Amino acid sequence: MIDSGDKCLAAIYHAAQKPLHGHAIGCLILVGGPQYRVGAHRQYVALARGLARRGIGVLRFDYQGMGDSEGTLDAIENRGDDIAAAASALCERLGPGAKIFPWGLCEGASAIFMHHQRINNMAGAIIANPWVGDARVEAQVRWRHYYLGRLNYRYMMRRLKSGSLVGSNFFENAKGLLRGVEYFDDDSYSPGLADLPHDMVNMLGRNKPVLYLASTDDRERETFDYALKTDARWKPAQNAKLFIRRDIVGADHTFSDYAAKQSVEALTFEFIDQQTRPIGSLAPAA
């Protein structure tokens, strides 16, 4: 149990079997909203155990109001105290001089952007399919990749041959297409997320490397990529030298199949290994 203010957070610590490079290295897993630790979201358990076997201590915890933690669940922008308490607890487990790498999926990645300054001994970060929280960008991506996709030749011919060109969802898709256009000039972030682009750029400005794990079959990833390419507030992050991208082909939002889970673990370990390896052991090119 971890003290966060006057509340207790439930947590599980996965001790490293043998410290990587003989150093105290830890990974702090930050989740998004409430979820089970089974099915697709078994990812967190599998990742923690895999990294621990490779020499990295891992802490998983529930925010206030989630799982077995006390309190009431608050919005992501108000979870800084819980994240700071968990990071401190991990540092205490690992000992002085520990290097901490937060790992977050979706809203968990956004939490890293927002609260990175409260993570003690942060040496880098791993973000997976981050949540942008911008209604305008989300609407544009949905309009371009989903509704316009319904207008391509192959799709139309397939519906025509099946006799269902004007099916039960035809008018719903048409309404969605028009609604998407309405959002194009709407500059509205979800409450509390207006500073999210600045938070990420600021995190990269701390000279901390960031690994971006991108699922090729995921709308949240499409939304984040679209923001990086088209929005002036996000673009500086894409051009940062310490922003490292790795695509996981065929993976969905939660890396729910076995191959994707294995890729996530391998890429996460490779990144942490490279960032913590003693200078003398690096090749000249590295």
C-alpha atoms as a PDB file:
ATOM      1  CA  MET A   1       0.000   0.000   0.000  1.00  0.00           C
ATOM      2  CA  ILE A   2       1.229   3.493  -0.904  1.00  0.00           C
ATOM      3  CA  ASP A   3       0.246   6.650   0.958  1.00  0.00           C
ATOM      4  CA  SER A   4      -1.073   9.404  -1.301  1.00  0.00           C
ATOM      5  CA  GLY A   5      -2.223  12.245   0.903  1.00  0.00           C
ATOM      6  CA  ASP A   6      -4.718  10.746   3.336  1.00  0.00           C
ATOM      7  CA  LYS A   7      -5.591   7.834   1.008  1.00  0.00           C
ATOM      8  CA  CYS A   8      -3.902   4.485   0.340  1.00  0.00           C
ATOM      9  CA  LEU A   9      -3.145   3.183  -3.143  1.00  0.00           C
ATOM     10  CA  ALA A  10      -2.993  -0.530  -3.892  1.00  0.00           C
ATOM     11  CA  ALA A  11       0.173  -1.509  -5.743  1.00  0.00           C
ATOM     12  CA  ILE A  12       2.186  -4.531  -6.858  1.00  0.00           C
ATOM     13  CA  TYR A  13       5.971  -4.447  -7.119  1.00  0.00           C
ATOM     14  CA  HIS A  14       7.741  -6.842  -9.475  1.00  0.00           C
ATOM     15  CA  ALA A  15      11.308  -7.176  -8.199  1.00  0.00           C
ATOM     16  CA  ALA A  16      14.108  -7.554 -10.732  1.00  0.00           C
ATOM     17  CA  GLN A  17      15.633 -11.026 -10.658  1.00  0.00           C
ATOM     18  CA  LYS A  18      19.065  -9.550 -11.356  1.00  0.00           C
ATOM     19  CA  PRO A  19      19.524  -5.762 -11.725  1.00  0.00           C
ATOM     20  CA  LEU A  20      20.194  -4.732 -15.311  1.00  0.00           C
ATOM     21  CA  HIS A  21      23.836  -3.586 -15.721  1.00  0.00           C
ATOM     22  CA  GLY A  22      24.138  -3.878 -11.949  1.00  0.00           C
ATOM     23  CA  HIS A  23      22.142  -0.656 -11.494  1.00  0.00           C
ATOM     24  CA  ALA A  24      18.806   0.161  -9.872  1.00  0.00           C
ATOM     25  CA  ILE A  25      16.450   0.607 -12.824  1.00  0.00           C
ATOM     26  CA  GLY A  26      12.671   0.800 -12.564  1.00  0.00           C
ATOM     27  CA  CYS A  27       9.580   1.091 -14.730  1.00  0.00           C
ATOM     28  CA  LEU A  28       6.443   2.803 -13.424  1.00  0.00           C
ATOM     29  CA  ILE A  29       3.325   1.662 -15.298  1.00  0.00           C
ATOM     30  CA  LEU A  30       0.570   4.277 -15.610  1.00  0.00           C
ATOM     31  CA  VAL A  31      -2.822   3.093 -16.819  1.00  0.00           C
ATOM     32  CA  GLY A  32      -5.698   5.115 -18.243  1.00  0.00           C
ATOM     33  CA  GLY A  33      -9.234   4.724 -16.989  1.00  0.00           C
ATOM     34  CA  PRO A  34     -10.679   1.857 -14.932  1.00  0.00           C
ATOM     35  CA  GLN A  35     -10.110  -1.560 -16.508  1.00  0.00           C
ATOM     36  CA  TYR A  36      -9.762  -5.240 -15.729  1.00  0.00           C
ATOM     37  CA  ARG A  37      -6.347  -6.902 -15.672  1.00  0.00           C
ATOM     38  CA  VAL A  38      -7.566  -9.699 -17.930  1.00  0.00           C
ATOM     39  CA  GLY A  39      -8.076 -10.036 -21.680  1.00  0.00           C
ATOM     40  CA  ALA A  40      -6.437  -7.266 -23.684  1.00  0.00           C
ATOM     41  CA  HIS A  41      -5.358  -5.388 -20.549  1.00  0.00           C
ATOM     42  CA  ARG A  42      -3.402  -8.373 -19.286  1.00  0.00           C
ATOM     43  CA  GLN A  43      -0.691  -6.482 -21.163  1.00  0.00           C
ATOM     44  CA  TYR A  44       0.361  -4.656 -18.003  1.00  0.00           C
ATOM     45  CA  VAL A  45       0.858  -7.829 -15.991  1.00  0.00           C
ATOM     46  CA  ALA A  46       2.731  -9.581 -18.791  1.00  0.00           C
ATOM     47  CA  LEU A  47       4.943  -6.542 -19.409  1.00  0.00           C
ATOM     48  CA  ALA A  48       5.790  -6.115 -15.718  1.00  0.00           C
ATOM     49  CA  ARG A  49       6.755  -9.766 -15.288  1.00  0.00           C
ATOM     50  CA  GLY A  50       8.766  -9.783 -18.507  1.00  0.00           C
ATOM     51  CA  LEU A  51      10.767  -6.683 -17.588  1.00  0.00           C
ATOM     52  CA  ALA A  52      11.395  -8.009 -14.068  1.00  0.00           C
ATOM     53  CA  ARG A  53      12.881 -11.174 -15.556  1.00  0.00           C
ATOM     54  CA  ARG A  54      15.198  -8.973 -17.614  1.00  0.00           C
ATOM     55  CA  GLY A  55      16.472  -7.010 -14.614  1.00  0.00           C
ATOM     56  CA  ILE A  56      14.070  -4.065 -14.333  1.00  0.00           C
ATOM     57  CA  GLY A  57      11.965  -3.498 -11.210  1.00  0.00           C
ATOM     58  CA  VAL A  58       8.363  -2.627 -12.103  1.00  0.00           C
ATOM     59  CA  LEU A  59       5.585  -1.013 -10.078  1.00  0.00           C
ATOM     60  CA  ARG A  60       1.902  -1.266 -11.045  1.00  0.00           C
ATOM     61  CA  PHE A  61      -0.643   0.659  -9.031  1.00  0.00           C
ATOM     62  CA  ASP A  62      -4.251   1.832  -9.021  1.00  0.00           C
ATOM     63  CA  TYR A  63      -5.134   5.514  -8.785  1.00  0.00           C
ATOM     64  CA  GLN A  64      -7.507   6.670  -6.059  1.00  0.00           C
ATOM     65  CA  GLY A  65     -10.982   5.317  -6.710  1.00  0.00           C
ATOM     66  CA  MET A  66      -9.745   2.412  -8.866  1.00  0.00           C
ATOM     67  CA  GLY A  67      -9.354  -1.255  -7.972  1.00  0.00           C
ATOM     68  CA  ASP A  68      -8.506  -1.688  -4.300  1.00  0.00           C
ATOM     69  CA  SER A  69      -7.292   1.876  -3.769  1.00  0.00           C
ATOM     70  CA  GLU A  70      -9.140   4.226  -1.456  1.00  0.00           C
ATOM     71  CA  GLY A  71     -10.746   7.496  -2.441  1.00  0.00           C
ATOM     72  CA  THR A  72     -12.704   8.713  -5.454  1.00  0.00           C
ATOM     73  CA  LEU A  73     -11.487   8.533  -9.034  1.00  0.00           C
ATOM     74  CA  ASP A  74     -10.557  11.976 -10.352  1.00  0.00           C
ATOM     75  CA  ALA A  75      -9.808  13.322 -13.826  1.00  0.00           C
ATOM     76  CA  ILE A  76      -6.430  12.546 -15.362  1.00  0.00           C
ATOM     77  CA  GLU A  77      -5.152  16.097 -14.882  1.00  0.00           C
ATOM     78  CA  ASN A  78      -5.684  15.749 -11.114  1.00  0.00           C
ATOM     79  CA  ARG A  79      -3.762  12.499 -10.601  1.00  0.00           C
ATOM     80  CA  GLY A  80      -0.375  14.100 -10.054  1.00  0.00           C
ATOM     81  CA  ASP A  81      -0.298  13.335  -6.324  1.00  0.00           C
ATOM     82  CA  ASP A  82      -0.919   9.631  -6.940  1.00  0.00           C
ATOM     83  CA  ILE A  83       1.761   9.457  -9.636  1.00  0.00           C
ATOM     84  CA  ALA A  84       4.281  11.282  -7.456  1.00  0.00           C
ATOM     85  CA  ALA A  85       3.559   8.945  -4.524  1.00  0.00           C
ATOM     86  CA  ALA A  86       3.963   5.855  -6.709  1.00  0.00           C
ATOM     87  CA  ALA A  87       7.220   7.136  -8.222  1.00  0.00           C
ATOM     88  CA  SER A  88       8.621   7.836  -4.752  1.00  0.00           C
ATOM     89  CA  ALA A  89       7.600   4.364  -3.573  1.00  0.00           C
ATOM     90  CA  LEU A  90       9.401   2.786  -6.537  1.00  0.00           C
ATOM     91  CA  CYS A  91      12.531   4.828  -5.828  1.00  0.00           C
ATOM     92  CA  GLU A  92      12.445   3.697  -2.202  1.00  0.00           C
ATOM     93  CA  ARG A  93      12.252   0.063  -3.323  1.00  0.00           C
ATOM     94  CA  LEU A  94      15.141   0.435  -5.761  1.00  0.00           C
ATOM     95  CA  GLY A  95      17.398   2.560  -3.577  1.00  0.00           C
ATOM     96  CA  PRO A  96      19.465   5.737  -4.109  1.00  0.00           C
ATOM     97  CA  GLY A  97      20.356   6.716  -7.647  1.00  0.00           C
ATOM     98  CA  ALA A  98      17.586   4.678  -9.253  1.00  0.00           C
ATOM     99  CA  LYS A  99      16.628   5.480 -12.841  1.00  0.00           C
ATOM    100  CA  ILE A 100      12.878   5.534 -13.438  1.00  0.00           C
ATOM    101  CA  PHE A 101      11.107   5.064 -16.790  1.00  0.00           C
ATOM    102  CA  PRO A 102       7.334   5.687 -16.749  1.00  0.00           C
ATOM    103  CA  TRP A 103       5.332   3.580 -19.235  1.00  0.00           C
ATOM    104  CA  GLY A 104       1.853   4.664 -20.294  1.00  0.00           C
ATOM    105  CA  LEU A 105      -0.797   3.573 -22.799  1.00  0.00           C
ATOM    106  CA  CYS A 106      -3.449   5.977 -24.150  1.00  0.00           C
ATOM    107  CA  GLU A 107      -4.568   8.152 -21.230  1.00  0.00           C
ATOM    108  CA  GLY A 108      -1.630   6.783 -19.237  1.00  0.00           C
ATOM    109  CA  ALA A 109       0.732   8.286 -21.824  1.00  0.00           C
ATOM    110  CA  SER A 110      -1.091  11.607 -21.514  1.00  0.00           C
ATOM    111  CA  ALA A 111      -0.610  11.395 -17.747  1.00  0.00           C
ATOM    112  CA  ILE A 112       3.147  11.165 -18.308  1.00  0.00           C
ATOM    113  CA  PHE A 113       3.027  14.363 -20.383  1.00  0.00           C
ATOM    114  CA  MET A 114       1.088  16.174 -17.678  1.00  0.00           C
ATOM    115  CA  HIS A 115       2.916  14.976 -14.570  1.00  0.00           C
ATOM    116  CA  HIS A 116       6.462  14.118 -15.727  1.00  0.00           C
ATOM    117  CA  GLN A 117       7.965  16.757 -13.457  1.00  0.00           C
ATOM    118  CA  ARG A 118       6.578  14.907 -10.435  1.00  0.00           C
ATOM    119  CA  ILE A 119       8.255  11.599 -11.287  1.00  0.00           C
ATOM    120  CA  ASN A 120      11.438  11.371  -9.239  1.00  0.00           C
ATOM    121  CA  ASN A 121      14.632  10.264 -11.018  1.00  0.00           C
ATOM    122  CA  MET A 122      12.940  10.082 -14.405  1.00  0.00           C
ATOM    123  CA  ALA A 123      15.511   8.986 -17.013  1.00  0.00           C
ATOM    124  CA  GLY A 124      13.180   8.624 -19.993  1.00  0.00           C
ATOM    125  CA  ALA A 125       9.639   7.562 -20.873  1.00  0.00           C
ATOM    126  CA  ILE A 126       7.703   5.076 -22.974  1.00  0.00           C
ATOM    127  CA  ILE A 127       4.395   6.194 -24.475  1.00  0.00           C
ATOM    128  CA  ALA A 128       2.008   3.928 -26.393  1.00  0.00           C
ATOM    129  CA  ASN A 129      -0.821   5.201 -28.619  1.00  0.00           C
ATOM    130  CA  PRO A 130      -1.231   8.467 -26.661  1.00  0.00           C
ATOM    131  CA  TRP A 131      -4.604  10.117 -26.160  1.00  0.00           C
ATOM    132  CA  VAL A 132      -4.730  13.617 -27.647  1.00  0.00           C
ATOM    133  CA  GLY A 133      -7.954  14.788 -26.024  1.00  0.00           C
ATOM    134  CA  ASP A 134      -8.643  17.329 -28.801  1.00  0.00           C
ATOM    135  CA  ALA A 135     -12.207  17.114 -30.140  1.00  0.00           C
ATOM    136  CA  ARG A 136     -11.236  18.924 -33.352  1.00  0.00           C
ATOM    137  CA  VAL A 137      -8.367  16.589 -34.244  1.00  0.00           C
ATOM    138  CA  GLU A 138     -10.351  13.490 -33.263  1.00  0.00           C
ATOM    139  CA  ALA A 139     -13.239  14.570 -35.504  1.00  0.00           C
ATOM    140  CA  GLN A 140     -10.948  15.219 -38.459  1.00  0.00           C
ATOM    141  CA  VAL A 141      -9.323  11.805 -38.173  1.00  0.00           C
ATOM    142  CA  ARG A 142     -12.681  10.087 -37.832  1.00  0.00           C
ATOM    143  CA  TRP A 143     -13.958  11.986 -40.879  1.00  0.00           C
ATOM    144  CA  ARG A 144     -10.932  11.233 -43.055  1.00  0.00           C
ATOM    145  CA  HIS A 145     -10.190   7.633 -42.072  1.00  0.00           C
ATOM    146  CA  TYR A 146     -13.653   6.291 -41.296  1.00  0.00           C
ATOM    147  CA  TYR A 147     -16.401   8.152 -43.116  1.00  0.00           C
ATOM    148  CA  LEU A 148     -14.437   8.988 -46.260  1.00  0.00           C
ATOM    149  CA  GLY A 149     -13.288   5.375 -46.270  1.00  0.00           C
ATOM    150  CA  ARG A 150     -16.904   4.413 -46.836  1.00  0.00           C
ATOM    151  CA  LEU A 151     -16.839   6.283 -50.151  1.00  0.00           C
ATOM    152  CA  ASN A 152     -14.029   4.362 -51.835  1.00  0.00           C
ATOM    153  CA  TYR A 153     -14.734   2.368 -55.005  1.00  0.00           C
ATOM    154  CA  ARG A 154     -14.185  -1.143 -53.624  1.00  0.00           C
ATOM    155  CA  TYR A 155     -16.403  -0.551 -50.624  1.00  0.00           C
ATOM    156  CA  MET A 156     -19.209   0.905 -52.752  1.00  0.00           C
ATOM    157  CA  MET A 157     -19.045  -1.944 -55.290  1.00  0.00           C
ATOM    158  CA  ARG A 158     -19.085  -4.554 -52.526  1.00  0.00           C
ATOM    159  CA  ARG A 159     -22.185  -2.960 -50.989  1.00  0.00           C
ATOM    160  CA  LEU A 160     -23.805  -2.648 -54.426  1.00  0.00           C
ATOM    161  CA  LYS A 161     -23.241  -6.322 -55.259  1.00  0.00           C
ATOM    162  CA  SER A 162     -24.643  -7.385 -51.903  1.00  0.00           C
ATOM    163  CA  GLY A 163     -27.731  -5.262 -52.484  1.00  0.00           C
ATOM    164  CA  SER A 164     -27.109  -3.230 -49.339  1.00  0.00           C
ATOM    165  CA  LEU A 165     -25.760   0.034 -50.712  1.00  0.00           C
ATOM    166  CA  VAL A 166     -28.380   1.917 -48.733  1.00  0.00           C
ATOM    167  CA  GLY A 167     -28.342  -0.185 -45.593  1.00  0.00           C
ATOM    168  CA  SER A 168     -29.483   0.503 -42.065  1.00  0.00           C
ATOM    169  CA  ASN A 169     -26.299   2.465 -41.287  1.00  0.00           C
ATOM    170  CA  PHE A 170     -26.184   4.488 -44.523  1.00  0.00           C
ATOM    171  CA  PHE A 171     -27.913   7.550 -43.138  1.00  0.00           C
ATOM    172  CA  GLU A 172     -26.011   7.262 -39.850  1.00  0.00           C
ATOM    173  CA  ASN A 173     -22.732   7.368 -41.784  1.00  0.00           C
ATOM    174  CA  ALA A 174     -24.003  10.344 -43.799  1.00  0.00           C
ATOM    175  CA  LYS A 175     -24.839  12.237 -40.607  1.00  0.00           C
ATOM    176  CA  GLY A 176     -21.435  11.398 -39.175  1.00  0.00           C
ATOM    177  CA  LEU A 177     -19.765  12.722 -42.316  1.00  0.00           C
ATOM    178  CA  LEU A 178     -21.549  16.054 -41.949  1.00  0.00           C
ATOM    179  CA  ARG A 179     -20.916  16.243 -38.196  1.00  0.00           C
ATOM    180  CA  GLY A 180     -17.212  15.752 -38.823  1.00  0.00           C
ATOM    181  CA  VAL A 181     -17.101  18.803 -41.078  1.00  0.00           C
ATOM    182  CA  GLU A 182     -18.647  20.923 -38.319  1.00  0.00           C
ATOM    183  CA  TYR A 183     -15.721  20.146 -36.010  1.00  0.00           C
ATOM    184  CA  PHE A 184     -13.026  21.254 -38.471  1.00  0.00           C
ATOM    185  CA  ASP A 185     -12.867  24.785 -37.102  1.00  0.00           C
ATOM    186  CA  ASP A 186     -13.671  23.860 -33.525  1.00  0.00           C
ATOM    187  CA  ASP A 187     -10.632  24.485 -31.326  1.00  0.00           C
ATOM    188  CA  SER A 188     -11.879  22.716 -28.226  1.00  0.00           C
ATOM    189  CA  TYR A 189      -9.879  20.356 -26.042  1.00  0.00           C
ATOM    190  CA  SER A 190     -11.458  18.114 -23.466  1.00  0.00           C
ATOM    191  CA  PRO A 191     -11.585  19.848 -20.055  1.00  0.00           C
ATOM    192  CA  GLY A 192      -8.157  20.150 -18.456  1.00  0.00           C
ATOM    193  CA  LEU A 193      -6.222  19.052 -21.553  1.00  0.00           C
ATOM    194  CA  ALA A 194      -5.581  22.380 -23.268  1.00  0.00           C
ATOM    195  CA  ASP A 195      -1.939  22.372 -22.153  1.00  0.00           C
ATOM    196  CA  LEU A 196      -1.279  18.771 -23.203  1.00  0.00           C
ATOM    197  CA  PRO A 197       0.811  19.625 -26.334  1.00  0.00           C
ATOM    198  CA  HIS A 198       2.883  22.095 -24.310  1.00  0.00           C
ATOM    199  CA  ASP A 199       3.347  19.469 -21.573  1.00  0.00           C
ATOM    200  CA  MET A 200       4.800  16.966 -24.035  1.00  0.00           C
ATOM    201  CA  VAL A 201       7.100  19.497 -25.695  1.00  0.00           C
ATOM    202  CA  ASN A 202       8.236  20.594 -22.235  1.00  0.00           C
ATOM    203  CA  MET A 203       8.975  16.975 -21.294  1.00  0.00           C
ATOM    204  CA  LEU A 204      11.165  16.535 -24.379  1.00  0.00           C
ATOM    205  CA  GLY A 205      12.863  19.805 -23.473  1.00  0.00           C
ATOM    206  CA  ARG A 206      14.150  18.154 -20.302  1.00  0.00           C
ATOM    207  CA  ASN A 207      16.582  16.209 -22.518  1.00  0.00           C
ATOM    208  CA  LYS A 208      14.898  12.920 -21.627  1.00  0.00           C
ATOM    209  CA  PRO A 209      14.513  10.320 -24.411  1.00  0.00           C
ATOM    210  CA  VAL A 210      10.982   9.197 -25.233  1.00  0.00           C
ATOM    211  CA  LEU A 211      10.045   5.936 -26.962  1.00  0.00           C
ATOM    212  CA  TYR A 212       6.791   6.137 -28.922  1.00  0.00           C
ATOM    213  CA  LEU A 213       5.170   2.728 -29.543  1.00  0.00           C
ATOM    214  CA  ALA A 214       2.674   3.102 -32.395  1.00  0.00           C
ATOM    215  CA  SER A 215       0.058   0.468 -33.277  1.00  0.00           C
ATOM    216  CA  THR A 216      -0.648   0.537 -37.006  1.00  0.00           C
ATOM    217  CA  ASP A 217      -4.264  -0.590 -36.496  1.00  0.00           C
ATOM    218  CA  ASP A 218      -5.463   1.982 -33.975  1.00  0.00           C
ATOM    219  CA  ARG A 219      -7.499   5.170 -34.280  1.00  0.00           C
ATOM    220  CA  GLU A 220      -5.920   6.805 -31.225  1.00  0.00           C
ATOM    221  CA  ARG A 221      -2.526   6.362 -32.873  1.00  0.00           C
ATOM    222  CA  GLU A 222      -3.916   7.850 -36.101  1.00  0.00           C
ATOM    223  CA  THR A 223      -5.219  10.823 -34.121  1.00  0.00           C
ATOM    224  CA  PHE A 224      -1.898  11.402 -32.381  1.00  0.00           C
ATOM    225  CA  ASP A 225       0.039  11.138 -35.652  1.00  0.00           C
ATOM    226  CA  TYR A 226      -2.358  13.551 -37.336  1.00  0.00           C
ATOM    227  CA  ALA A 227      -1.848  16.055 -34.522  1.00  0.00           C
ATOM    228  CA  LEU A 228       1.940  15.742 -34.820  1.00  0.00           C
ATOM    229  CA  LYS A 229       1.810  16.445 -38.554  1.00  0.00           C
ATOM    230  CA  THR A 230      -0.810  19.179 -38.765  1.00  0.00           C
ATOM    231  CA  ASP A 231      -1.072  20.994 -35.434  1.00  0.00           C
ATOM    232  CA  ALA A 232       1.530  23.655 -34.664  1.00  0.00           C
ATOM    233  CA  ARG A 233       1.219  22.893 -30.954  1.00  0.00           C
ATOM    234  CA  TRP A 234       2.286  19.265 -31.398  1.00  0.00           C
ATOM    235  CA  LYS A 235       4.793  19.567 -34.278  1.00  0.00           C
ATOM    236  CA  PRO A 236       7.827  20.445 -32.104  1.00  0.00           C
ATOM    237  CA  ALA A 237       7.492  17.048 -30.434  1.00  0.00           C
ATOM    238  CA  GLN A 238       7.720  15.186 -33.741  1.00  0.00           C
ATOM    239  CA  ASN A 239      10.924  17.007 -34.668  1.00  0.00           C
ATOM    240  CA  ALA A 240      12.633  16.453 -31.315  1.00  0.00           C
ATOM    241  CA  LYS A 241      15.846  14.440 -31.639  1.00  0.00           C
ATOM    242  CA  LEU A 242      15.104  12.375 -28.523  1.00  0.00           C
ATOM    243  CA  PHE A 243      11.645  11.325 -29.784  1.00  0.00           C
ATOM    244  CA  ILE A 244      12.070   7.710 -30.957  1.00  0.00           C
ATOM    245  CA  ARG A 245       9.270   6.016 -32.858  1.00  0.00           C
ATOM    246  CA  ARG A 246       8.726   2.280 -33.295  1.00  0.00           C
ATOM    247  CA  ASP A 247       5.747   0.956 -35.291  1.00  0.00           C
ATOM    248  CA  ILE A 248       4.155  -2.354 -34.305  1.00  0.00           C
ATOM    249  CA  VAL A 249       2.553  -3.627 -37.513  1.00  0.00           C
ATOM    250  CA  GLY A 250      -0.937  -5.092 -37.193  1.00  0.00           C
ATOM    251  CA  ALA A 251      -1.235  -4.236 -33.495  1.00  0.00           C
ATOM    252  CA  ASP A 252      -4.472  -2.818 -32.082  1.00  0.00           C
ATOM    253  CA  HIS A 253      -4.853  -0.192 -29.371  1.00  0.00           C
ATOM    254  CA  THR A 254      -4.062  -2.496 -26.437  1.00  0.00           C
ATOM    255  CA  PHE A 255      -1.613  -4.856 -28.202  1.00  0.00           C
ATOM    256  CA  SER A 256      -4.095  -7.616 -27.493  1.00  0.00           C
ATOM    257  CA  ASP A 257      -2.541 -10.451 -29.531  1.00  0.00           C
ATOM    258  CA  TYR A 258       0.481 -12.439 -28.364  1.00  0.00           C
ATOM    259  CA  ALA A 259       2.892 -11.231 -31.070  1.00  0.00           C
ATOM    260  CA  ALA A 260       2.131  -7.588 -30.298  1.00  0.00           C
ATOM    261  CA  LYS A 261       2.662  -8.155 -26.563  1.00  0.00           C
ATOM    262  CA  GLN A 262       6.042  -9.726 -27.266  1.00  0.00           C
ATOM    263  CA  SER A 263       7.020  -6.779 -29.469  1.00  0.00           C
ATOM    264  CA  VAL A 264       6.027  -4.277 -26.772  1.00  0.00           C
ATOM    265  CA  GLU A 265       8.146  -6.045 -24.168  1.00  0.00           C
ATOM    266  CA  ALA A 266      11.148  -6.393 -26.495  1.00  0.00           C
ATOM    267  CA  LEU A 267      11.074  -2.776 -27.656  1.00  0.00           C
ATOM    268  CA  THR A 268      10.561  -1.463 -24.116  1.00  0.00           C
ATOM    269  CA  PHE A 269      13.494  -3.463 -22.800  1.00  0.00           C
ATOM    270  CA  GLU A 270      15.709  -2.514 -25.734  1.00  0.00           C
ATOM    271  CA  PHE A 271      15.005   1.174 -25.112  1.00  0.00           C
ATOM    272  CA  ILE A 272      15.684   1.032 -21.362  1.00  0.00           C
ATOM    273  CA  ASP A 273      18.766  -1.118 -21.942  1.00  0.00           C
ATOM    274  CA  GLN A 274      20.214   1.407 -24.406  1.00  0.00           C
ATOM    275  CA  GLN A 275      19.510   4.361 -22.123  1.00  0.00           C
ATOM    276  CA  THR A 276      21.127   2.775 -19.058  1.00  0.00           C
ATOM    277  CA  ARG A 277      24.038   0.865 -20.556  1.00  0.00           C
ATOM    278  CA  PRO A 278      27.456   2.048 -19.307  1.00  0.00           C
ATOM    279  CA  ILE A 279      29.161   4.410 -21.766  1.00  0.00           C
ATOM    280  CA  GLY A 280      32.185   2.141 -22.113  1.00  0.00           C
ATOM    281  CA  SER A 281      30.038  -0.720 -23.440  1.00  0.00           C
ATOM    282  CA  LEU A 282      28.472   1.288 -26.289  1.00  0.00           C
ATOM    283  CA  ALA A 283      29.659   0.952 -29.871  1.00  0.00           C
ATOM    284  CA  PRO A 284      31.088   4.154 -31.425  1.00  0.00           C
ATOM    285  CA  ALA A 285      27.988   4.548 -33.627  1.00  0.00           C
ATOM    286  CA  ALA A 286      25.708   4.453 -30.563  1.00  0.00           C
END
